[in-house]
Amino acid sequence: SISILRNASVEYKKSKQVEELFCFTIVRVMLLSGLSFNNDQYITLLEKCIRLQIENLQTDFLVLTLHYYSNILIQEGKYSDALFFAKIALGICVSPEEHSVILGTCLVAVECCFKMDLKADAKAFLTKYIEYSNEYPFFVEHSCDDYVEKMKCLLQKD
């Protein structure tokens, strides 16, 4: 599937919106396949998606792409970069009800700020997470509940 999508992407390079769609689809297939891919493979495709989505003003998928990208960066310990891209995703998300990843993006920002000892910012992003989780309870990933409670406790101490 991934090979077919890559070939189709190259074939349709003249239409950047189509190429963007193929790149984004490749990333989704990779993520959902359960197969192991190294972060460099994701980063290359995600950077291409981000560039194409910005060039074509395709903000619908940009929030999701930035979410994926910031998650990979945080896994690599690149907290400053991950925070930068998470902030962009949160900033351009004018319609949170359309982006189920927005809560996860808030938590990426919380983790980055916490790791970088930016406690006030971590509190602000945690507050945004709590607000969104109250507004959009169907987006809440309950596997993160323990993490959220832990962060509440750690950030209340300051």
Protein backbone atom coordinates (compact mmCIF):
# COMPACT_ATOMS: atom_id res chain seq x y z
CA SER A 1 0.00 0.00 0.00
CA ILE A 2 2.73 2.43 0.98
CA SER A 3 4.69 1.75 -2.21
CA ILE A 4 1.62 2.31 -4.38
CA LEU A 5 0.87 5.57 -2.58
CA ARG A 6 4.47 6.79 -2.93
CA ASN A 7 4.46 6.04 -6.65
CA ALA A 8 1.10 7.77 -7.06
CA SER A 9 2.44 10.77 -5.16
CA VAL A 10 5.40 11.09 -7.54
CA GLU A 11 3.12 10.61 -10.55
CA TYR A 12 0.80 13.41 -9.45
CA LYS A 13 3.46 15.93 -8.39
CA LYS A 14 2.06 18.53 -10.77
CA SER A 15 -1.06 18.83 -8.68
CA LYS A 16 0.27 19.77 -5.26
CA GLN A 17 -3.05 19.23 -3.53
CA VAL A 18 -3.11 15.66 -4.78
CA GLU A 19 0.52 15.16 -3.76
CA GLU A 20 -0.29 16.52 -0.31
CA LEU A 21 -3.19 14.11 -0.01
CA PHE A 22 -0.99 11.17 -0.98
CA CYS A 23 1.75 12.18 1.49
CA PHE A 24 -0.76 12.53 4.27
CA THR A 25 -2.33 9.18 3.36
CA ILE A 26 1.08 7.50 3.41
CA VAL A 27 1.63 8.77 6.95
CA ARG A 28 -1.81 7.54 8.04
CA VAL A 29 -1.20 4.10 6.50
CA MET A 30 2.19 3.91 8.23
CA LEU A 31 0.72 4.90 11.59
CA LEU A 32 -2.25 2.57 11.36
CA SER A 33 -0.41 -0.40 9.86
CA GLY A 34 1.17 -1.50 13.12
CA LEU A 35 4.43 -2.09 11.25
CA SER A 36 7.57 -0.56 12.64
CA PHE A 37 8.96 2.47 10.85
CA ASN A 38 11.76 4.66 12.12
CA ASN A 39 11.06 8.24 13.03
CA ASP A 40 13.18 9.53 10.14
CA GLN A 41 10.71 8.01 7.68
CA TYR A 42 7.82 9.74 9.42
CA ILE A 43 9.68 13.02 9.80
CA THR A 44 10.55 13.20 6.10
CA LEU A 45 6.94 12.64 5.04
CA LEU A 46 5.47 14.87 7.74
CA GLU A 47 7.79 17.74 6.84
CA LYS A 48 6.72 17.35 3.22
CA CYS A 49 3.05 17.33 4.27
CA ILE A 50 3.50 20.43 6.41
CA ARG A 51 5.24 22.30 3.60
CA LEU A 52 2.60 21.32 1.04
CA GLN A 53 -0.30 22.04 3.38
CA ILE A 54 1.06 25.50 4.15
CA GLU A 55 1.77 26.25 0.47
CA ASN A 56 -1.78 25.20 -0.44
CA LEU A 57 -3.42 26.76 2.64
CA GLN A 58 -4.82 23.36 3.61
CA THR A 59 -5.33 23.92 7.33
CA ASP A 60 -7.88 21.10 7.62
CA PHE A 61 -5.17 18.46 7.80
CA LEU A 62 -2.38 20.73 9.04
CA VAL A 63 -3.52 20.47 12.67
CA LEU A 64 -3.38 16.68 12.48
CA THR A 65 -0.04 16.68 10.65
CA LEU A 66 1.48 19.04 13.22
CA HIS A 67 0.10 16.83 15.99
CA TYR A 68 1.84 13.77 14.51
CA TYR A 69 5.03 15.74 13.97
CA SER A 70 5.17 17.15 17.51
CA ASN A 71 4.55 13.64 18.92
CA ILE A 72 7.53 12.25 17.03
CA LEU A 73 9.73 15.17 18.08
CA ILE A 74 8.81 14.69 21.74
CA GLN A 75 9.71 10.99 21.46
CA GLU A 76 13.13 12.08 20.25
CA GLY A 77 13.54 14.47 23.19
CA LYS A 78 13.30 17.57 20.98
CA TYR A 79 11.02 19.37 23.42
CA SER A 80 11.55 22.90 22.15
CA ASP A 81 10.75 21.90 18.56
CA ALA A 82 7.81 19.74 19.62
CA LEU A 83 6.40 22.63 21.66
CA PHE A 84 6.84 25.01 18.72
CA PHE A 85 4.81 22.79 16.38
CA ALA A 86 2.21 21.94 19.04
CA LYS A 87 1.68 25.68 19.61
CA ILE A 88 1.19 26.23 15.89
CA ALA A 89 -1.38 23.42 15.77
CA LEU A 90 -3.23 24.88 18.75
CA GLY A 91 -3.02 28.36 17.27
CA ILE A 92 -4.47 27.47 13.87
CA CYS A 93 -7.18 25.21 15.28
CA VAL A 94 -10.14 27.57 15.01
CA SER A 95 -12.65 24.75 15.24
CA PRO A 96 -11.62 22.25 17.95
CA GLU A 97 -14.72 20.13 17.39
CA GLU A 98 -13.26 19.19 13.98
CA HIS A 99 -9.91 18.03 15.37
CA SER A 100 -10.03 15.02 17.64
CA VAL A 101 -6.26 15.30 18.23
CA ILE A 102 -6.49 18.70 19.89
CA LEU A 103 -6.50 17.23 23.39
CA GLY A 104 -3.41 15.17 22.63
CA THR A 105 -1.72 18.26 21.22
CA CYS A 106 -2.42 20.08 24.50
CA LEU A 107 -0.79 17.21 26.39
CA VAL A 108 2.26 17.31 24.11
CA ALA A 109 2.59 21.00 24.97
CA VAL A 110 2.18 20.24 28.70
CA GLU A 111 4.89 17.58 28.58
CA CYS A 112 7.29 19.79 26.62
CA CYS A 113 6.82 22.72 28.98
CA PHE A 114 7.23 20.47 32.00
CA LYS A 115 10.45 18.95 30.61
CA MET A 116 11.76 22.44 29.83
CA ASP A 117 10.83 23.68 33.33
CA LEU A 118 8.25 26.12 31.99
CA LYS A 119 5.75 25.40 34.76
CA ALA A 120 3.46 28.39 34.13
CA ASP A 121 3.14 27.44 30.46
CA ALA A 122 2.56 23.79 31.38
CA LYS A 123 -0.27 24.90 33.69
CA ALA A 124 -1.79 27.01 30.91
CA PHE A 125 -1.77 24.11 28.43
CA LEU A 126 -3.13 21.74 31.08
CA THR A 127 -5.95 24.22 31.74
CA LYS A 128 -6.65 24.35 27.99
CA TYR A 129 -6.72 20.53 27.96
CA ILE A 130 -9.22 20.47 30.82
CA GLU A 131 -11.41 23.10 29.13
CA TYR A 132 -11.40 21.18 25.84
CA SER A 133 -12.04 17.85 27.58
CA ASN A 134 -15.11 19.39 29.25
CA GLU A 135 -16.32 20.88 25.94
CA TYR A 136 -15.54 17.79 23.86
CA PRO A 137 -15.76 14.77 26.17
CA PHE A 138 -15.99 12.41 23.19
CA PHE A 139 -12.35 13.32 22.31
CA VAL A 140 -11.00 12.33 25.73
CA GLU A 141 -8.55 9.46 25.55
CA HIS A 142 -9.02 7.85 28.93
CA SER A 143 -5.65 6.14 28.73
CA CYS A 144 -4.23 9.61 29.48
CA ASP A 145 -6.31 10.14 32.65
CA ASP A 146 -3.49 9.04 34.98
CA TYR A 147 -1.02 11.32 33.23
CA VAL A 148 -3.41 14.29 33.49
CA GLU A 149 -3.95 13.66 37.22
CA LYS A 150 -0.20 13.30 37.77
CA MET A 151 0.46 16.59 35.97
CA LYS A 152 -2.26 18.35 37.96
CA CYS A 153 -0.56 17.26 41.19
CA LEU A 154 2.95 18.14 40.04
CA LEU A 155 1.91 21.56 38.75
CA GLN A 156 -0.17 22.44 41.82
CA LYS A 157 2.94 22.23 44.01
CA ASP A 158 4.38 25.33 42.36
